[in-house]
Amino acid sequence: MTKKIIFRTALLGITAALLAACPSKSIKRTEPVVSGPDRPTGTPFAVGTTVTPGGGASYTVVPYSALPHWSLQHFVNSLQSFKQGCEKLKNRAGWQDVCAQAMQTPNHHHQAKLFFERYFTPWQVSGNGLQAGTITGYYIPLMHGDIKQTSKARFPIYGIPNDFVSVPLPVNLRGSKAVVRVRPSGQNMGLIDNAGQYSADLSKFPITGRTTALKGRFAGNQFVPYYTRAQINGGALDGKAPILGYADDPVELFFMHVQGSGTLQTPSGQKVALGYADKNEYPYVSIGRYMADKGYLTLGQTSMQGIKAYMQQNPQRLAEVLGQNPSYVFFRKLDNGNGAIGALGTPLMGEYAGAIDRHYITLGAPLFVATAHPLTRKALNRLIMAQDTGSAIKGAVRVDYFWGYGDEAGNTAGKQKTTGYVWQLLPNGMKPEYRP
């Protein structure tokens, strides 16, 4: 889900169970026994090796014994999730050998554990001098509706509009207020070109230091920002975009936008998997914060469930509240049933995948996360795969934990905002990188 505008609830900090599980510098390393012809080809970095590639991030090699509850992991599930990611990783430099070895590793606890210990080096991640960061959760909603419009299914799920244009933005223009020229370069695409026939005032676009493309439309001789959520909800896309289906509930549809993907279930039981296709590039604005500031709900009530219940009781405020978030996602139909495809381009496995900031974490890499369970408050230590990204996931020690599919996963994900620690596992001999 190259996706995602993420909505999360503010909760209390991490519990004593997590604090007790934090790594201790006094723990000695226990090296796995490596023998036979499948010895790792890369040389592990020594414990204590630290690299600071940029962006305020720091990475330090630690022993596996420093990872909380490492030996108690469900390594078979972690290996299965990694194997799914290898469908893309196997074509990338530095990952071919470990992916080949993963495919030959049987789904057995000891063998799966030995695979990770043998072929990867764990690097503890720090951001701006801090090892502690924030862990949130996301899920894939199961939204009720139909593939055709009915008296109940009335709210359209849009694909990419026919007048939507994405224009790559050079690094030197990020943050610029200049006026540039734009020309069309294909379906839904354009280029900045001094000879272009359309004028674009960059000061009018929601550009940040991370903006990689302008998202807009041609209007007269101008290239202007694309419609906001309020404008689209007001009918701006009528007749201008393919409709992939219709939702029964506009709030359920809103939260599918927040998650970046979902599954539409029809009355007949048919399921249509919907994935992220593009977005209008406006920044995500929390409607929960807005509702709390207006006094509609307390901050503690602004979970997904709380907002949905409020809207059912106060439908007259629907347009006002939803319109506060200008960001809007366009979808595409997926072929993998009710599964989800992450930014890596492979299916996500519930509770064994997560979204990261790819500026700091290598997309596809194993990631050990130590945090607290949002419901039980007990320690949650898990070896997951960094197979997704999200526009709200920013920073080195920042993970959006994928809880899976449906209402139960949504209930858990919507309540997670906990302190956590992160270790990135990279193939032996590979150093962490910062990618500006």
Protein backbone atom coordinates (compact mmCIF):
# COMPACT_ATOMS: atom_id res chain seq x y z
CA MET A 1 0.00 0.00 0.00
CA THR A 2 2.20 2.78 -1.09
CA LYS A 3 -0.45 4.21 0.63
CA LYS A 4 -1.64 5.27 3.43
CA ILE A 5 -2.83 8.12 5.33
CA ILE A 6 -2.87 6.68 8.82
CA PHE A 7 -5.39 7.56 11.55
CA ARG A 8 -4.54 6.55 15.08
CA THR A 9 -5.84 7.07 18.63
CA ALA A 10 -3.67 8.60 21.34
CA LEU A 11 -3.10 6.16 24.19
CA LEU A 12 -0.95 5.95 27.31
CA GLY A 13 2.73 5.00 27.10
CA ILE A 14 4.32 1.62 27.28
CA THR A 15 3.70 -0.71 30.21
CA ALA A 16 6.06 -2.11 32.76
CA ALA A 17 6.03 -5.40 30.88
CA LEU A 18 7.79 -3.76 27.94
CA LEU A 19 10.24 -1.90 30.13
CA ALA A 20 11.22 -5.17 31.72
CA ALA A 21 11.81 -6.59 28.28
CA CYS A 22 14.13 -3.80 27.06
CA PRO A 23 17.62 -4.93 25.99
CA SER A 24 20.47 -4.87 28.46
CA LYS A 25 23.98 -3.91 27.40
CA SER A 26 25.39 -6.51 29.81
CA ILE A 27 24.01 -9.46 27.81
CA LYS A 28 26.67 -11.46 26.00
CA ARG A 29 26.24 -12.57 22.42
CA THR A 30 25.43 -16.18 21.69
CA GLU A 31 26.54 -16.93 18.14
CA PRO A 32 24.61 -19.52 16.13
CA VAL A 33 26.63 -22.53 15.11
CA VAL A 34 27.30 -22.33 11.38
CA SER A 35 28.57 -25.32 9.50
CA GLY A 36 28.25 -27.02 6.18
CA PRO A 37 28.24 -25.72 2.60
CA ASP A 38 25.51 -23.15 3.25
CA ARG A 39 27.71 -20.93 5.41
CA PRO A 40 26.71 -17.24 5.03
CA THR A 41 28.60 -15.55 2.21
CA GLY A 42 28.61 -12.12 3.92
CA THR A 43 30.72 -11.32 6.97
CA PRO A 44 28.73 -10.11 10.01
CA PHE A 45 29.72 -6.78 11.50
CA ALA A 46 31.09 -6.93 15.04
CA VAL A 47 28.80 -6.26 17.97
CA GLY A 48 29.01 -2.56 18.86
CA THR A 49 29.60 -1.41 15.28
CA THR A 50 27.70 1.86 14.76
CA VAL A 51 26.89 3.69 11.55
CA THR A 52 25.27 7.12 11.22
CA PRO A 53 24.37 7.49 7.52
CA GLY A 54 22.31 10.68 7.94
CA GLY A 55 18.89 12.04 8.74
CA GLY A 56 19.58 11.85 12.49
CA ALA A 57 19.52 8.04 12.38
CA SER A 58 22.01 5.74 14.07
CA TYR A 59 22.30 1.96 13.80
CA THR A 60 24.28 -0.25 16.20
CA VAL A 61 24.99 -3.98 15.90
CA VAL A 62 23.72 -5.95 18.91
CA PRO A 63 23.67 -9.68 19.74
CA TYR A 64 20.46 -11.62 19.14
CA SER A 65 20.28 -12.20 22.89
CA ALA A 66 19.63 -8.45 23.27
CA LEU A 67 16.32 -8.73 21.40
CA PRO A 68 13.54 -9.15 24.00
CA HIS A 69 12.08 -12.68 24.01
CA TRP A 70 13.99 -13.54 20.83
CA SER A 71 13.92 -17.30 21.44
CA LEU A 72 10.13 -17.23 21.95
CA GLN A 73 9.34 -15.93 18.47
CA HIS A 74 6.99 -17.71 16.06
CA PHE A 75 9.85 -18.04 13.58
CA VAL A 76 7.89 -20.16 11.10
CA ASN A 77 5.34 -17.36 10.61
CA SER A 78 8.11 -14.76 10.32
CA LEU A 79 9.86 -16.92 7.73
CA GLN A 80 6.64 -17.35 5.75
CA SER A 81 6.16 -13.57 5.67
CA PHE A 82 9.77 -13.07 4.57
CA LYS A 83 9.39 -15.66 1.81
CA GLN A 84 6.39 -13.74 0.44
CA GLY A 85 8.53 -10.60 0.31
CA CYS A 86 11.32 -12.47 -1.48
CA GLU A 87 9.12 -12.49 -4.58
CA LYS A 88 10.41 -8.92 -5.03
CA LEU A 89 13.56 -8.91 -2.88
CA LYS A 90 15.21 -11.75 -4.81
CA ASN A 91 15.82 -9.35 -7.69
CA ARG A 92 17.63 -6.77 -5.54
CA ALA A 93 21.35 -6.54 -4.91
CA GLY A 94 22.40 -8.10 -1.62
CA TRP A 95 19.19 -10.09 -1.15
CA GLN A 96 19.50 -12.86 -3.73
CA ASP A 97 21.47 -15.25 -1.52
CA VAL A 98 19.32 -14.86 1.60
CA CYS A 99 16.14 -15.27 -0.40
CA ALA A 100 17.52 -18.41 -2.04
CA GLN A 101 18.37 -19.80 1.39
CA ALA A 102 14.92 -18.82 2.74
CA MET A 103 13.19 -20.83 0.02
CA GLN A 104 15.27 -23.88 0.98
CA THR A 105 14.57 -23.53 4.71
CA PRO A 106 11.83 -25.86 5.98
CA ASN A 107 8.91 -24.51 8.00
CA HIS A 108 10.31 -25.77 11.28
CA HIS A 109 10.85 -23.61 14.39
CA HIS A 110 14.52 -24.44 14.94
CA GLN A 111 15.46 -24.23 11.25
CA ALA A 112 13.60 -20.95 10.77
CA LYS A 113 15.27 -19.45 13.87
CA LEU A 114 18.69 -20.59 12.68
CA PHE A 115 18.03 -19.09 9.24
CA PHE A 116 17.60 -15.58 10.62
CA GLU A 117 20.52 -15.90 13.05
CA ARG A 118 22.80 -17.31 10.38
CA TYR A 119 22.17 -14.89 7.54
CA PHE A 120 21.26 -11.58 9.21
CA THR A 121 22.88 -9.03 11.48
CA PRO A 122 20.59 -7.15 13.93
CA TRP A 123 21.04 -3.37 14.08
CA GLN A 124 19.29 -1.40 16.83
CA VAL A 125 17.75 1.73 15.33
CA SER A 126 17.94 5.17 16.95
CA GLY A 127 16.46 8.44 15.77
CA ASN A 128 17.95 11.77 16.84
CA GLY A 129 19.71 10.03 19.71
CA LEU A 130 16.60 8.22 20.98
CA GLN A 131 16.08 4.46 20.86
CA ALA A 132 12.40 4.76 21.80
CA GLY A 133 9.86 5.56 19.11
CA THR A 134 6.18 5.22 18.28
CA ILE A 135 4.32 2.10 17.17
CA THR A 136 0.82 2.45 15.72
CA GLY A 137 -1.39 -0.13 14.06
CA TYR A 138 -3.38 -0.52 10.85
CA TYR A 139 -5.60 -3.13 9.27
CA ILE A 140 -7.61 -3.91 6.15
CA PRO A 141 -11.27 -2.95 6.62
CA LEU A 142 -14.14 -5.15 5.54
CA MET A 143 -16.57 -2.61 4.11
CA HIS A 144 -20.18 -3.37 3.31
CA GLY A 145 -21.60 -2.28 -0.02
CA ASP A 146 -22.20 -3.47 -3.56
CA ILE A 147 -20.60 -3.39 -6.98
CA LYS A 148 -23.59 -1.46 -8.31
CA GLN A 149 -25.46 1.49 -6.84
CA THR A 150 -28.52 0.62 -4.77
CA SER A 151 -30.76 2.47 -2.34
CA LYS A 152 -28.40 1.33 0.43
CA ALA A 153 -25.04 1.31 -1.37
CA ARG A 154 -24.80 4.96 -2.39
CA PHE A 155 -21.25 6.17 -1.75
CA PRO A 156 -18.85 5.70 -4.69
CA ILE A 157 -15.39 4.16 -4.44
CA TYR A 158 -13.34 5.91 -7.10
CA GLY A 159 -10.50 4.72 -9.27
CA ILE A 160 -8.02 7.22 -10.73
CA PRO A 161 -10.01 10.06 -12.38
CA ASN A 162 -9.55 10.64 -16.10
CA ASP A 163 -8.50 14.27 -15.51
CA PHE A 164 -6.02 13.41 -12.73
CA VAL A 165 -2.39 14.18 -13.66
CA SER A 166 0.79 13.29 -11.76
CA VAL A 167 3.89 15.37 -12.52
CA PRO A 168 7.29 14.27 -11.11
CA LEU A 169 8.82 17.05 -9.00
CA PRO A 170 12.62 17.45 -9.16
CA VAL A 171 14.44 17.65 -5.83
CA ASN A 172 15.58 21.21 -6.50
CA LEU A 173 11.94 22.38 -6.70
CA ARG A 174 10.74 20.84 -3.42
CA GLY A 175 9.80 23.73 -1.19
CA SER A 176 9.97 26.15 -4.11
CA LYS A 177 7.34 28.85 -4.73
CA ALA A 178 8.25 29.20 -8.40
CA VAL A 179 5.95 29.21 -11.40
CA VAL A 180 6.86 26.42 -13.82
CA ARG A 181 5.61 25.11 -17.13
CA VAL A 182 3.98 21.68 -17.47
CA ARG A 183 3.18 19.54 -20.50
CA PRO A 184 1.17 16.30 -20.75
CA SER A 185 3.33 13.19 -21.24
CA GLY A 186 0.79 10.36 -21.37
CA GLN A 187 -2.31 9.10 -19.61
CA ASN A 188 -2.55 10.70 -16.16
CA MET A 189 1.04 11.91 -16.48
CA GLY A 190 2.83 15.18 -17.13
CA LEU A 191 6.31 16.69 -17.04
CA ILE A 192 7.81 20.00 -15.97
CA ASP A 193 9.12 21.47 -19.21
CA ASN A 194 10.02 25.08 -20.01
CA ALA A 195 8.21 24.63 -23.33
CA GLY A 196 5.07 23.25 -21.68
CA GLN A 197 1.76 24.90 -22.56
CA TYR A 198 0.39 24.97 -18.99
CA SER A 199 1.49 27.20 -16.11
CA ALA A 200 1.77 25.79 -12.57
CA ASP A 201 2.20 28.04 -9.52
CA LEU A 202 4.04 25.79 -7.03
CA SER A 203 2.98 28.01 -4.13
CA LYS A 204 -0.58 26.74 -4.64
CA PHE A 205 0.36 23.07 -4.24
CA PRO A 206 0.71 21.23 -0.88
CA ILE A 207 4.44 20.63 -1.29
CA THR A 208 6.69 19.39 1.52
CA GLY A 209 10.33 18.36 1.58
CA ARG A 210 9.23 14.82 0.75
CA THR A 211 6.87 15.61 -2.11
CA THR A 212 7.95 13.66 -5.18
CA ALA A 213 5.13 14.62 -7.56
CA LEU A 214 2.55 17.31 -8.15
CA LYS A 215 -0.98 15.92 -8.28
CA GLY A 216 -3.36 18.13 -10.24
CA ARG A 217 -5.44 18.75 -13.34
CA PHE A 218 -5.41 21.02 -16.37
CA ALA A 219 -7.85 23.93 -16.20
CA GLY A 220 -7.70 26.41 -19.04
CA ASN A 221 -4.02 27.21 -19.50
CA GLN A 222 -3.21 26.34 -15.88
CA PHE A 223 -2.10 23.19 -14.06
CA VAL A 224 -3.82 23.41 -10.68
CA PRO A 225 -3.95 21.21 -7.53
CA TYR A 226 -6.40 18.34 -7.64
CA TYR A 227 -9.71 18.47 -5.81
CA THR A 228 -9.82 18.14 -2.02
CA ARG A 229 -11.94 15.60 -0.15
CA ALA A 230 -14.61 18.23 0.54
CA GLN A 231 -14.83 19.07 -3.15
CA ILE A 232 -14.95 15.41 -4.17
CA ASN A 233 -17.59 14.59 -1.56
CA GLY A 234 -19.53 17.53 -2.96
CA GLY A 235 -19.63 15.98 -6.46
CA ALA A 236 -16.46 17.25 -8.16
CA LEU A 237 -15.77 13.80 -9.66
CA ASP A 238 -19.21 13.16 -11.10
CA GLY A 239 -18.63 11.55 -14.49
CA LYS A 240 -14.85 11.99 -14.25
CA ALA A 241 -13.69 8.76 -12.60
CA PRO A 242 -14.32 5.02 -12.80
CA ILE A 243 -16.45 3.73 -9.92
CA LEU A 244 -15.21 0.41 -8.53
CA GLY A 245 -18.15 -0.11 -6.19
CA TYR A 246 -20.39 1.62 -3.68
CA ALA A 247 -20.19 1.69 0.11
CA ASP A 248 -23.21 1.53 2.41
CA ASP A 249 -21.61 3.79 5.02
CA PRO A 250 -19.58 6.94 4.22
CA VAL A 251 -17.69 6.63 7.51
CA GLU A 252 -16.59 3.08 6.67
CA LEU A 253 -15.45 4.41 3.30
CA PHE A 254 -13.54 7.22 5.02
CA PHE A 255 -11.66 4.74 7.17
CA MET A 256 -10.78 2.68 4.12
CA HIS A 257 -9.16 5.86 2.80
CA VAL A 258 -7.31 6.18 6.10
CA GLN A 259 -6.01 2.62 5.81
CA GLY A 260 -5.26 2.90 2.09
CA SER A 261 -6.92 -0.38 1.11
CA GLY A 262 -9.81 -2.62 2.03
CA THR A 263 -12.28 -5.27 0.98
CA LEU A 264 -15.79 -4.56 -0.28
CA GLN A 265 -18.30 -7.26 0.67
CA THR A 266 -21.60 -7.43 -1.22
CA PRO A 267 -24.92 -8.77 0.10
CA SER A 268 -24.36 -11.95 -1.94
CA GLY A 269 -21.06 -12.58 -0.14
CA GLN A 270 -18.84 -11.52 -3.04
CA LYS A 271 -15.60 -9.86 -1.92
CA VAL A 272 -13.75 -7.26 -3.96
CA ALA A 273 -10.19 -6.48 -2.83
CA LEU A 274 -9.30 -2.80 -3.25
CA GLY A 275 -5.77 -1.47 -3.14
CA TYR A 276 -4.14 1.94 -3.19
CA ALA A 277 -3.73 3.43 -6.67
CA ASP A 278 -2.89 7.11 -6.05
CA LYS A 279 -3.91 10.13 -3.97
CA ASN A 280 -4.47 13.84 -4.38
CA GLU A 281 -1.30 14.58 -2.35
CA TYR A 282 -2.92 16.79 0.28
CA PRO A 283 -1.56 16.07 3.78
CA TYR A 284 -3.58 13.93 6.16
CA VAL A 285 -5.47 15.91 8.81
CA SER A 286 -6.83 14.09 11.86
CA ILE A 287 -10.60 14.39 12.10
CA GLY A 288 -10.32 12.94 15.61
CA ARG A 289 -8.29 15.94 16.72
CA TYR A 290 -10.76 18.27 15.02
CA MET A 291 -13.71 16.63 16.79
CA ALA A 292 -11.95 16.88 20.14
CA ASP A 293 -11.11 20.55 19.56
CA LYS A 294 -14.75 21.25 18.68
CA GLY A 295 -15.99 19.40 21.74
CA TYR A 296 -17.88 16.77 19.75
CA LEU A 297 -15.92 13.99 21.48
CA THR A 298 -13.18 13.82 24.06
CA LEU A 299 -9.75 12.89 22.72
CA GLY A 300 -10.06 9.50 24.41
CA GLN A 301 -13.27 8.81 22.46
CA THR A 302 -11.82 9.52 19.02
CA SER A 303 -11.18 5.93 18.06
CA MET A 304 -12.54 4.61 14.80
CA GLN A 305 -15.44 3.08 16.69
CA GLY A 306 -16.15 6.29 18.62
CA ILE A 307 -16.19 8.45 15.51
CA LYS A 308 -18.45 6.02 13.65
CA ALA A 309 -20.94 5.93 16.53
CA TYR A 310 -20.97 9.74 16.78
CA MET A 311 -21.64 10.15 13.05
CA GLN A 312 -24.53 7.72 13.17
CA GLN A 313 -26.11 9.90 15.86
CA ASN A 314 -25.18 13.24 14.25
CA PRO A 315 -25.43 12.82 10.44
CA GLN A 316 -25.80 16.59 9.97
CA ARG A 317 -22.09 16.98 10.83
CA LEU A 318 -20.87 14.34 8.40
CA ALA A 319 -19.77 16.66 5.59
CA GLU A 320 -18.22 19.13 8.03
CA VAL A 321 -16.13 16.55 9.88
CA LEU A 322 -15.00 14.36 6.98
CA GLY A 323 -14.16 17.44 4.93
CA GLN A 324 -11.53 18.49 7.48
CA ASN A 325 -9.18 15.90 6.01
CA PRO A 326 -8.40 17.15 2.47
CA SER A 327 -6.44 14.02 1.55
CA TYR A 328 -8.22 11.59 -0.79
CA VAL A 329 -7.18 8.14 -2.00
CA PHE A 330 -8.04 6.51 -5.33
CA PHE A 331 -8.22 2.73 -5.51
CA ARG A 332 -7.68 -0.19 -7.87
CA LYS A 333 -9.09 -3.70 -7.86
CA LEU A 334 -6.72 -6.44 -6.71
CA ASP A 335 -6.62 -10.05 -7.84
CA ASN A 336 -5.73 -11.64 -4.51
CA GLY A 337 -9.14 -12.00 -2.85
CA ASN A 338 -9.31 -10.14 0.44
CA GLY A 339 -5.55 -9.81 0.78
CA ALA A 340 -3.54 -6.61 0.72
CA ILE A 341 -0.49 -5.72 -1.35
CA GLY A 342 2.11 -3.59 0.44
CA ALA A 343 4.53 -1.04 -0.98
CA LEU A 344 7.01 -3.87 -1.60
CA GLY A 345 4.50 -5.29 -4.08
CA THR A 346 3.78 -8.54 -2.23
CA PRO A 347 0.89 -9.71 0.01
CA LEU A 348 0.90 -8.68 3.67
CA MET A 349 0.58 -11.30 6.40
CA GLY A 350 -1.44 -10.20 9.42
CA GLU A 351 0.72 -9.56 12.54
CA TYR A 352 3.91 -10.32 10.60
CA ALA A 353 4.24 -7.22 8.44
CA GLY A 354 4.37 -3.50 8.99
CA ALA A 355 4.80 -0.08 7.40
CA ILE A 356 7.98 1.93 7.85
CA ASP A 357 9.68 5.10 6.65
CA ARG A 358 11.75 3.88 3.72
CA HIS A 359 14.14 6.80 4.16
CA TYR A 360 15.49 4.97 7.24
CA ILE A 361 14.48 1.32 6.96
CA THR A 362 15.13 -0.94 3.96
CA LEU A 363 11.82 -1.96 2.42
CA GLY A 364 11.44 -5.73 2.72
CA ALA A 365 13.90 -6.18 5.58
CA PRO A 366 13.06 -8.22 8.70
CA LEU A 367 12.25 -5.91 11.59
CA PHE A 368 12.14 -6.81 15.27
CA VAL A 369 9.67 -4.65 17.19
CA ALA A 370 9.37 -4.50 20.99
CA THR A 371 6.28 -2.69 22.21
CA ALA A 372 3.06 -3.28 24.20
CA HIS A 373 -0.14 -4.95 23.04
CA PRO A 374 -2.81 -2.22 22.72
CA LEU A 375 -5.51 -4.31 24.43
CA THR A 376 -3.72 -6.46 27.03
CA ARG A 377 -0.88 -3.97 27.67
CA LYS A 378 1.47 -6.95 27.92
CA ALA A 379 4.78 -7.00 26.08
CA LEU A 380 4.44 -7.51 22.34
CA ASN A 381 7.78 -8.54 20.83
CA ARG A 382 7.60 -9.71 17.24
CA LEU A 383 9.80 -10.37 14.22
CA ILE A 384 7.87 -8.81 11.32
CA MET A 385 8.74 -7.72 7.79
CA ALA A 386 9.01 -4.09 6.67
CA GLN A 387 6.86 -4.58 3.58
CA ASP A 388 4.77 -1.41 3.49
CA THR A 389 4.99 2.36 3.81
CA GLY A 390 2.61 5.15 4.80
CA SER A 391 2.56 8.91 4.39
CA ALA A 392 2.10 9.39 8.15
CA ILE A 393 4.95 6.99 9.02
CA LYS A 394 7.92 9.30 9.44
CA GLY A 395 11.11 8.73 11.35
CA ALA A 396 13.69 6.04 12.01
CA VAL A 397 12.02 4.43 15.06
CA ARG A 398 8.51 4.49 13.66
CA VAL A 399 6.46 1.42 12.70
CA ASP A 400 2.83 0.90 11.73
CA TYR A 401 2.05 -2.67 12.78
CA PHE A 402 -0.25 -4.58 10.43
CA TRP A 403 -2.91 -6.38 12.48
CA GLY A 404 -4.66 -8.11 9.59
CA TYR A 405 -8.18 -8.04 8.22
CA GLY A 406 -11.70 -7.26 9.43
CA ASP A 407 -13.37 -5.71 12.45
CA GLU A 408 -11.40 -7.54 15.14
CA ALA A 409 -8.10 -6.43 13.63
CA GLY A 410 -9.55 -2.94 13.25
CA ASN A 411 -10.53 -2.78 16.91
CA THR A 412 -6.97 -3.65 17.93
CA ALA A 413 -5.27 -1.42 15.37
CA GLY A 414 -7.43 1.57 16.21
CA LYS A 415 -6.28 1.47 19.84
CA GLN A 416 -2.57 1.17 19.24
CA LYS A 417 -0.24 4.04 19.86
CA THR A 418 2.53 2.75 22.07
CA THR A 419 6.19 3.36 22.75
CA GLY A 420 8.44 0.86 21.04
CA TYR A 421 11.97 -0.15 20.07
CA VAL A 422 13.12 -1.32 16.65
CA TRP A 423 15.91 -3.51 15.32
CA GLN A 424 16.53 -3.84 11.59
CA LEU A 425 17.91 -7.18 10.40
CA LEU A 426 20.08 -6.90 7.30
CA PRO A 427 21.98 -9.58 5.37
CA ASN A 428 25.45 -10.08 6.80
CA GLY A 429 27.83 -7.50 5.34
CA MET A 430 25.08 -5.01 4.39
CA LYS A 431 25.08 -1.64 6.16
CA PRO A 432 21.94 0.39 6.96
CA GLU A 433 21.36 3.37 4.70
CA TYR A 434 19.61 6.71 4.85
CA ARG A 435 17.81 7.56 1.63
CA PRO A 436 16.90 11.28 1.45
